[in-house]
PDB file of N, CA and C in Angstrom:
ATOM      1  N   MET A   1     -30.425 127.406 165.869  1.00  0.00           N
ATOM      2  CA  MET A   1     -29.134 127.243 165.275  1.00  0.00           C
ATOM      3  C   MET A   1     -29.204 126.083 164.279  1.00  0.00           C
ATOM      4  N   LYS A   2     -28.649 126.285 163.109  1.00  0.00           N
ATOM      5  CA  LYS A   2     -28.637 125.229 162.104  1.00  0.00           C
ATOM      6  C   LYS A   2     -27.205 125.063 161.614  1.00  0.00           C
ATOM      7  N   LEU A   3     -26.600 123.936 161.972  1.00  0.00           N
ATOM      8  CA  LEU A   3     -25.231 123.632 161.561  1.00  0.00           C
ATOM      9  C   LEU A   3     -25.155 122.205 161.069  1.00  0.00           C
ATOM     10  N   ASP A   4     -24.398 121.995 160.023  1.00  0.00           N
ATOM     11  CA  ASP A   4     -24.210 120.629 159.530  1.00  0.00           C
ATOM     12  C   ASP A   4     -23.218 119.855 160.386  1.00  0.00           C
ATOM     13  N   SER A   5     -22.232 120.541 160.926  1.00  0.00           N
ATOM     14  CA  SER A   5     -21.193 119.880 161.732  1.00  0.00           C
ATOM     15  C   SER A   5     -20.904 120.705 162.982  1.00  0.00           C
ATOM     16  N   PRO A   6     -21.785 120.675 163.996  1.00  0.00           N
ATOM     17  CA  PRO A   6     -21.535 121.465 165.204  1.00  0.00           C
ATOM     18  C   PRO A   6     -20.317 120.942 165.952  1.00  0.00           C
ATOM     19  N   GLY A   7     -19.593 121.853 166.571  1.00  0.00           N
ATOM     20  CA  GLY A   7     -18.421 121.488 167.361  1.00  0.00           C
ATOM     21  C   GLY A   7     -18.604 121.891 168.803  1.00  0.00           C
ATOM     22  N   GLN A   8     -17.556 121.760 169.587  1.00  0.00           N
ATOM     23  CA  GLN A   8     -17.620 122.034 171.020  1.00  0.00           C
ATOM     24  C   GLN A   8     -18.046 123.479 171.303  1.00  0.00           C
ATOM     25  N   ASP A   9     -17.603 124.427 170.503  1.00  0.00           N
ATOM     26  CA  ASP A   9     -17.970 125.830 170.723  1.00  0.00           C
ATOM     27  C   ASP A   9     -19.429 126.124 170.389  1.00  0.00           C
ATOM     28  N   ASP A  10     -20.111 125.193 169.733  1.00  0.00           N
ATOM     29  CA  ASP A  10     -21.510 125.375 169.348  1.00  0.00           C
ATOM     30  C   ASP A  10     -22.480 124.759 170.350  1.00  0.00           C
ATOM     31  N   VAL A  11     -21.972 124.112 171.403  1.00  0.00           N
ATOM     32  CA  VAL A  11     -22.807 123.412 172.388  1.00  0.00           C
ATOM     33  C   VAL A  11     -22.832 124.214 173.686  1.00  0.00           C
ATOM     34  N   TYR A  12     -24.024 124.420 174.247  1.00  0.00           N
ATOM     35  CA  TYR A  12     -24.154 125.108 175.523  1.00  0.00           C
ATOM     36  C   TYR A  12     -23.549 124.261 176.642  1.00  0.00           C
ATOM     37  N   GLN A  13     -23.048 124.928 177.698  1.00  0.00           N
ATOM     38  CA  GLN A  13     -22.462 124.224 178.841  1.00  0.00           C
ATOM     39  C   GLN A  13     -23.531 123.620 179.752  1.00  0.00           C
ATOM     40  N   TYR A  14     -24.753 124.149 179.696  1.00  0.00           N
ATOM     41  CA  TYR A  14     -25.862 123.627 180.485  1.00  0.00           C
ATOM     42  C   TYR A  14     -26.983 123.230 179.537  1.00  0.00           C
ATOM     43  N   GLY A  15     -27.694 122.166 179.880  1.00  0.00           N
ATOM     44  CA  GLY A  15     -28.760 121.705 178.998  1.00  0.00           C
ATOM     45  C   GLY A  15     -29.759 120.854 179.746  1.00  0.00           C
ATOM     46  N   THR A  16     -30.525 120.086 179.002  1.00  0.00           N
ATOM     47  CA  THR A  16     -31.559 119.229 179.557  1.00  0.00           C
ATOM     48  C   THR A  16     -31.378 117.811 179.047  1.00  0.00           C
ATOM     49  N   VAL A  17     -31.358 116.842 179.949  1.00  0.00           N
ATOM     50  CA  VAL A  17     -31.359 115.436 179.562  1.00  0.00           C
ATOM     51  C   VAL A  17     -32.788 115.111 179.145  1.00  0.00           C
ATOM     52  N   CYS A  18     -32.941 114.523 177.963  1.00  0.00           N
ATOM     53  CA  CYS A  18     -34.273 114.257 177.418  1.00  0.00           C
ATOM     54  C   CYS A  18     -34.456 112.785 177.095  1.00  0.00           C
ATOM     55  N   ARG A  19     -35.715 112.373 177.087  1.00  0.00           N
ATOM     56  CA  ARG A  19     -36.094 111.035 176.642  1.00  0.00           C
ATOM     57  C   ARG A  19     -36.784 111.204 175.294  1.00  0.00           C
ATOM     58  N   ILE A  20     -36.259 110.508 174.286  1.00  0.00           N
ATOM     59  CA  ILE A  20     -36.864 110.568 172.963  1.00  0.00           C
ATOM     60  C   ILE A  20     -38.092 109.677 172.968  1.00  0.00           C
ATOM     61  N   LYS A  21     -39.244 110.260 172.643  1.00  0.00           N
ATOM     62  CA  LYS A  21     -40.494 109.508 172.630  1.00  0.00           C
ATOM     63  C   LYS A  21     -40.778 108.927 171.263  1.00  0.00           C
ATOM     64  N   SER A  22     -40.449 109.665 170.206  1.00  0.00           N
ATOM     65  CA  SER A  22     -40.639 109.154 168.848  1.00  0.00           C
ATOM     66  C   SER A  22     -39.815 109.978 167.881  1.00  0.00           C
ATOM     67  N   SER A  23     -39.522 109.396 166.738  1.00  0.00           N
ATOM     68  CA  SER A  23     -38.836 110.119 165.668  1.00  0.00           C
ATOM     69  C   SER A  23     -39.259 109.532 164.334  1.00  0.00           C
ATOM     70  N   ARG A  24     -39.270 110.389 163.334  1.00  0.00           N
ATOM     71  CA  ARG A  24     -39.569 109.922 161.986  1.00  0.00           C
ATOM     72  C   ARG A  24     -38.947 110.906 161.001  1.00  0.00           C
ATOM     73  N   SER A  25     -38.608 110.385 159.838  1.00  0.00           N
ATOM     74  CA  SER A  25     -38.017 111.245 158.815  1.00  0.00           C
ATOM     75  C   SER A  25     -38.888 111.221 157.569  1.00  0.00           C
ATOM     76  N   ARG A  26     -38.905 112.362 156.915  1.00  0.00           N
ATOM     77  CA  ARG A  26     -39.657 112.502 155.681  1.00  0.00           C
ATOM     78  C   ARG A  26     -38.975 113.576 154.851  1.00  0.00           C
ATOM     79  N   ASP A  27     -38.748 113.264 153.597  1.00  0.00           N
ATOM     80  CA  ASP A  27     -38.028 114.167 152.706  1.00  0.00           C
ATOM     81  C   ASP A  27     -36.655 114.473 153.313  1.00  0.00           C
ATOM     82  N   ASP A  28     -36.361 115.747 153.536  1.00  0.00           N
ATOM     83  CA  ASP A  28     -35.063 116.128 154.105  1.00  0.00           C
ATOM     84  C   ASP A  28     -35.175 116.546 155.568  1.00  0.00           C
ATOM     85  N   PHE A  29     -36.274 116.167 156.232  1.00  0.00           N
ATOM     86  CA  PHE A  29     -36.500 116.598 157.601  1.00  0.00           C
ATOM     87  C   PHE A  29     -36.646 115.400 158.544  1.00  0.00           C
ATOM     88  N   ILE A  30     -36.249 115.616 159.787  1.00  0.00           N
ATOM     89  CA  ILE A  30     -36.428 114.611 160.836  1.00  0.00           C
ATOM     90  C   ILE A  30     -37.277 115.263 161.926  1.00  0.00           C
ATOM     91  N   LYS A  31     -38.359 114.600 162.320  1.00  0.00           N
ATOM     92  CA  LYS A  31     -39.214 115.088 163.401  1.00  0.00           C
ATOM     93  C   LYS A  31     -38.943 114.233 164.626  1.00  0.00           C
ATOM     94  N   VAL A  32     -38.613 114.879 165.743  1.00  0.00           N
ATOM     95  CA  VAL A  32     -38.313 114.178 166.987  1.00  0.00           C
ATOM     96  C   VAL A  32     -39.222 114.736 168.078  1.00  0.00           C
ATOM     97  N   VAL A  33     -39.896 113.850 168.814  1.00  0.00           N
ATOM     98  CA  VAL A  33     -40.716 114.238 169.963  1.00  0.00           C
ATOM     99  C   VAL A  33     -39.988 113.742 171.210  1.00  0.00           C
ATOM    100  N   PHE A  34     -39.768 114.650 172.162  1.00  0.00           N
ATOM    101  CA  PHE A  34     -39.003 114.273 173.356  1.00  0.00           C
ATOM    102  C   PHE A  34     -39.589 114.964 174.577  1.00  0.00           C
ATOM    103  N   SER A  35     -39.211 114.448 175.760  1.00  0.00           N
ATOM    104  CA  SER A  35     -39.613 115.090 177.014  1.00  0.00           C
ATOM    105  C   SER A  35     -38.376 115.276 177.888  1.00  0.00           C
ATOM    106  N   GLY A  36     -38.330 116.416 178.578  1.00  0.00           N
ATOM    107  CA  GLY A  36     -37.199 116.720 179.444  1.00  0.00           C
ATOM    108  C   GLY A  36     -37.254 115.916 180.727  1.00  0.00           C
ATOM    109  N   ILE A  37     -36.083 115.468 181.176  1.00  0.00           N
ATOM    110  CA  ILE A  37     -35.996 114.688 182.414  1.00  0.00           C
ATOM    111  C   ILE A  37     -35.404 115.533 183.541  1.00  0.00           C
ATOM    112  N   CYS A  38     -34.235 116.137 183.292  1.00  0.00           N
ATOM    113  CA  CYS A  38     -33.586 116.964 184.300  1.00  0.00           C
ATOM    114  C   CYS A  38     -32.511 117.825 183.652  1.00  0.00           C
ATOM    115  N   ARG A  39     -32.048 118.821 184.378  1.00  0.00           N
ATOM    116  CA  ARG A  39     -30.986 119.698 183.893  1.00  0.00           C
ATOM    117  C   ARG A  39     -29.635 119.019 184.067  1.00  0.00           C
ATOM    118  N   CYS A  40     -28.658 119.425 183.238  1.00  0.00           N
ATOM    119  CA  CYS A  40     -27.322 118.854 183.349  1.00  0.00           C
ATOM    120  C   CYS A  40     -26.275 119.880 182.953  1.00  0.00           C
ATOM    121  N   HIS A  41     -25.042 119.602 183.330  1.00  0.00           N
ATOM    122  CA  HIS A  41     -23.888 120.413 182.956  1.00  0.00           C
ATOM    123  C   HIS A  41     -22.959 119.538 182.122  1.00  0.00           C
ATOM    124  N   VAL A  42     -22.524 120.054 180.977  1.00  0.00           N
ATOM    125  CA  VAL A  42     -21.620 119.295 180.098  1.00  0.00           C
ATOM    126  C   VAL A  42     -20.211 119.397 180.652  1.00  0.00           C
ATOM    127  N   ASN A  43     -19.618 118.239 180.995  1.00  0.00           N
ATOM    128  CA  ASN A  43     -18.262 118.196 181.523  1.00  0.00           C
ATOM    129  C   ASN A  43     -17.222 118.011 180.426  1.00  0.00           C
ATOM    130  N   LYS A  44     -17.573 117.245 179.397  1.00  0.00           N
ATOM    131  CA  LYS A  44     -16.611 116.954 178.331  1.00  0.00           C
ATOM    132  C   LYS A  44     -17.364 116.731 177.023  1.00  0.00           C
ATOM    133  N   PHE A  45     -16.790 117.218 175.959  1.00  0.00           N
ATOM    134  CA  PHE A  45     -17.344 117.060 174.614  1.00  0.00           C
ATOM    135  C   PHE A  45     -16.306 116.315 173.786  1.00  0.00           C
ATOM    136  N   TYR A  46     -16.741 115.300 173.044  1.00  0.00           N
ATOM    137  CA  TYR A  46     -15.805 114.615 172.152  1.00  0.00           C
ATOM    138  C   TYR A  46     -16.528 114.092 170.930  1.00  0.00           C
ATOM    139  N   GLU A  47     -15.739 113.794 169.899  1.00  0.00           N
ATOM    140  CA  GLU A  47     -16.263 113.307 168.631  1.00  0.00           C
ATOM    141  C   GLU A  47     -15.638 111.959 168.315  1.00  0.00           C
ATOM    142  N   LEU A  48     -16.469 111.024 167.851  1.00  0.00           N
ATOM    143  CA  LEU A  48     -16.004 109.695 167.481  1.00  0.00           C
ATOM    144  C   LEU A  48     -16.707 109.293 166.196  1.00  0.00           C
ATOM    145  N   ASP A  49     -15.957 109.050 165.149  1.00  0.00           N
ATOM    146  CA  ASP A  49     -16.524 108.659 163.847  1.00  0.00           C
ATOM    147  C   ASP A  49     -17.608 109.629 163.388  1.00  0.00           C
ATOM    148  N   ASP A  50     -17.326 110.921 163.462  1.00  0.00           N
ATOM    149  CA  ASP A  50     -18.240 111.980 163.011  1.00  0.00           C
ATOM    150  C   ASP A  50     -19.535 112.067 163.815  1.00  0.00           C
ATOM    151  N   VAL A  51     -19.560 111.502 165.023  1.00  0.00           N
ATOM    152  CA  VAL A  51     -20.711 111.603 165.913  1.00  0.00           C
ATOM    153  C   VAL A  51     -20.255 112.323 167.175  1.00  0.00           C
ATOM    154  N   ASN A  52     -21.015 113.329 167.618  1.00  0.00           N
ATOM    155  CA  ASN A  52     -20.677 114.089 168.815  1.00  0.00           C
ATOM    156  C   ASN A  52     -21.281 113.442 170.056  1.00  0.00           C
ATOM    157  N   PHE A  53     -20.505 113.429 171.128  1.00  0.00           N
ATOM    158  CA  PHE A  53     -20.933 112.895 172.424  1.00  0.00           C
ATOM    159  C   PHE A  53     -20.554 113.886 173.508  1.00  0.00           C
ATOM    160  N   VAL A  54     -21.258 113.823 174.635  1.00  0.00           N
ATOM    161  CA  VAL A  54     -20.880 114.611 175.804  1.00  0.00           C
ATOM    162  C   VAL A  54     -20.917 113.727 177.039  1.00  0.00           C
ATOM    163  N   ILE A  55     -20.083 114.072 177.980  1.00  0.00           N
ATOM    164  CA  ILE A  55     -20.161 113.504 179.327  1.00  0.00           C
ATOM    165  C   ILE A  55     -20.756 114.612 180.183  1.00  0.00           C
ATOM    166  N   TYR A  56     -21.818 114.300 180.921  1.00  0.00           N
ATOM    167  CA  TYR A  56     -22.528 115.340 181.647  1.00  0.00           C
ATOM    168  C   TYR A  56     -22.735 114.941 183.097  1.00  0.00           C
ATOM    169  N   GLN A  57     -23.047 115.961 183.907  1.00  0.00           N
ATOM    170  CA  GLN A  57     -23.365 115.762 185.324  1.00  0.00           C
ATOM    171  C   GLN A  57     -24.784 116.255 185.556  1.00  0.00           C
ATOM    172  N   ILE A  58     -25.596 115.427 186.178  1.00  0.00           N
ATOM    173  CA  ILE A  58     -26.979 115.790 186.483  1.00  0.00           C
ATOM    174  C   ILE A  58     -26.997 116.820 187.609  1.00  0.00           C
ATOM    175  N   MET A  59     -27.810 117.826 187.451  1.00  0.00           N
ATOM    176  CA  MET A  59     -27.895 118.909 188.425  1.00  0.00           C
ATOM    177  C   MET A  59     -29.136 118.755 189.297  1.00  0.00           C
ATOM    178  N   ALA A  60     -29.377 117.577 189.827  1.00  0.00           N
ATOM    179  CA  ALA A  60     -30.591 117.283 190.590  1.00  0.00           C
ATOM    180  C   ALA A  60     -30.687 118.105 191.866  1.00  0.00           C
ATOM    181  N   GLU A  61     -29.563 118.404 192.501  1.00  0.00           N
ATOM    182  CA  GLU A  61     -29.604 119.097 193.778  1.00  0.00           C
ATOM    183  C   GLU A  61     -30.205 120.493 193.665  1.00  0.00           C
ATOM    184  N   LYS A  62     -30.105 121.137 192.503  1.00  0.00           N
ATOM    185  CA  LYS A  62     -30.670 122.473 192.341  1.00  0.00           C
ATOM    186  C   LYS A  62     -32.185 122.443 192.187  1.00  0.00           C
ATOM    187  N   PHE A  63     -32.745 121.283 191.890  1.00  0.00           N
ATOM    188  CA  PHE A  63     -34.167 121.184 191.665  1.00  0.00           C
ATOM    189  C   PHE A  63     -34.854 120.341 192.721  1.00  0.00           C
ATOM    190  N   ASN A  64     -34.114 119.994 193.771  1.00  0.00           N
ATOM    191  CA  ASN A  64     -34.660 119.272 194.907  1.00  0.00           C
ATOM    192  C   ASN A  64     -35.333 117.962 194.496  1.00  0.00           C
ATOM    193  N   ILE A  65     -34.690 117.211 193.590  1.00  0.00           N
ATOM    194  CA  ILE A  65     -35.166 115.892 193.192  1.00  0.00           C
ATOM    195  C   ILE A  65     -34.054 114.890 193.407  1.00  0.00           C
ATOM    196  N   GLN A  66     -34.401 113.640 193.503  1.00  0.00           N
ATOM    197  CA  GLN A  66     -33.409 112.594 193.687  1.00  0.00           C
ATOM    198  C   GLN A  66     -33.347 111.763 192.413  1.00  0.00           C
ATOM    199  N   VAL A  67     -32.143 111.628 191.877  1.00  0.00           N
ATOM    200  CA  VAL A  67     -31.933 110.844 190.666  1.00  0.00           C
ATOM    201  C   VAL A  67     -30.887 109.793 190.977  1.00  0.00           C
ATOM    202  N   ASN A  68     -31.264 108.519 190.876  1.00  0.00           N
ATOM    203  CA  ASN A  68     -30.318 107.458 191.124  1.00  0.00           C
ATOM    204  C   ASN A  68     -29.614 107.007 189.849  1.00  0.00           C
ATOM    205  N   LYS A  69     -30.387 106.775 188.796  1.00  0.00           N
ATOM    206  CA  LYS A  69     -29.807 106.330 187.535  1.00  0.00           C
ATOM    207  C   LYS A  69     -30.797 106.621 186.419  1.00  0.00           C
ATOM    208  N   ILE A  70     -30.285 107.133 185.334  1.00  0.00           N
ATOM    209  CA  ILE A  70     -31.116 107.412 184.172  1.00  0.00           C
ATOM    210  C   ILE A  70     -30.490 106.703 182.985  1.00  0.00           C
ATOM    211  N   THR A  71     -31.282 105.921 182.289  1.00  0.00           N
ATOM    212  CA  THR A  71     -30.835 105.276 181.075  1.00  0.00           C
ATOM    213  C   THR A  71     -31.710 105.758 179.939  1.00  0.00           C
ATOM    214  N   ILE A  72     -31.072 106.263 178.896  1.00  0.00           N
ATOM    215  CA  ILE A  72     -31.826 106.743 177.736  1.00  0.00           C
ATOM    216  C   ILE A  72     -31.599 105.778 176.601  1.00  0.00           C
ATOM    217  N   HIS A  73     -32.669 105.235 176.074  1.00  0.00           N
ATOM    218  CA  HIS A  73     -32.596 104.251 174.983  1.00  0.00           C
ATOM    219  C   HIS A  73     -32.841 104.935 173.670  1.00  0.00           C
TER     220      HIS A  73
END
């Protein structure tokens, strides 16, 4: 999917929490390398100053893992 301004209807209700390992831009492209941490469910979608955010719930119980706290920098 390629959208300049995605909205709430363009975001899946389930996804993956990821850790960004590296990013770089060149010309009109951005390359991002990331690794998946765990599955999540999007509870709320909102926009602030033209930036999209979500509030999500970690679905650790379905994958039999224990997650205490995840911080993504």
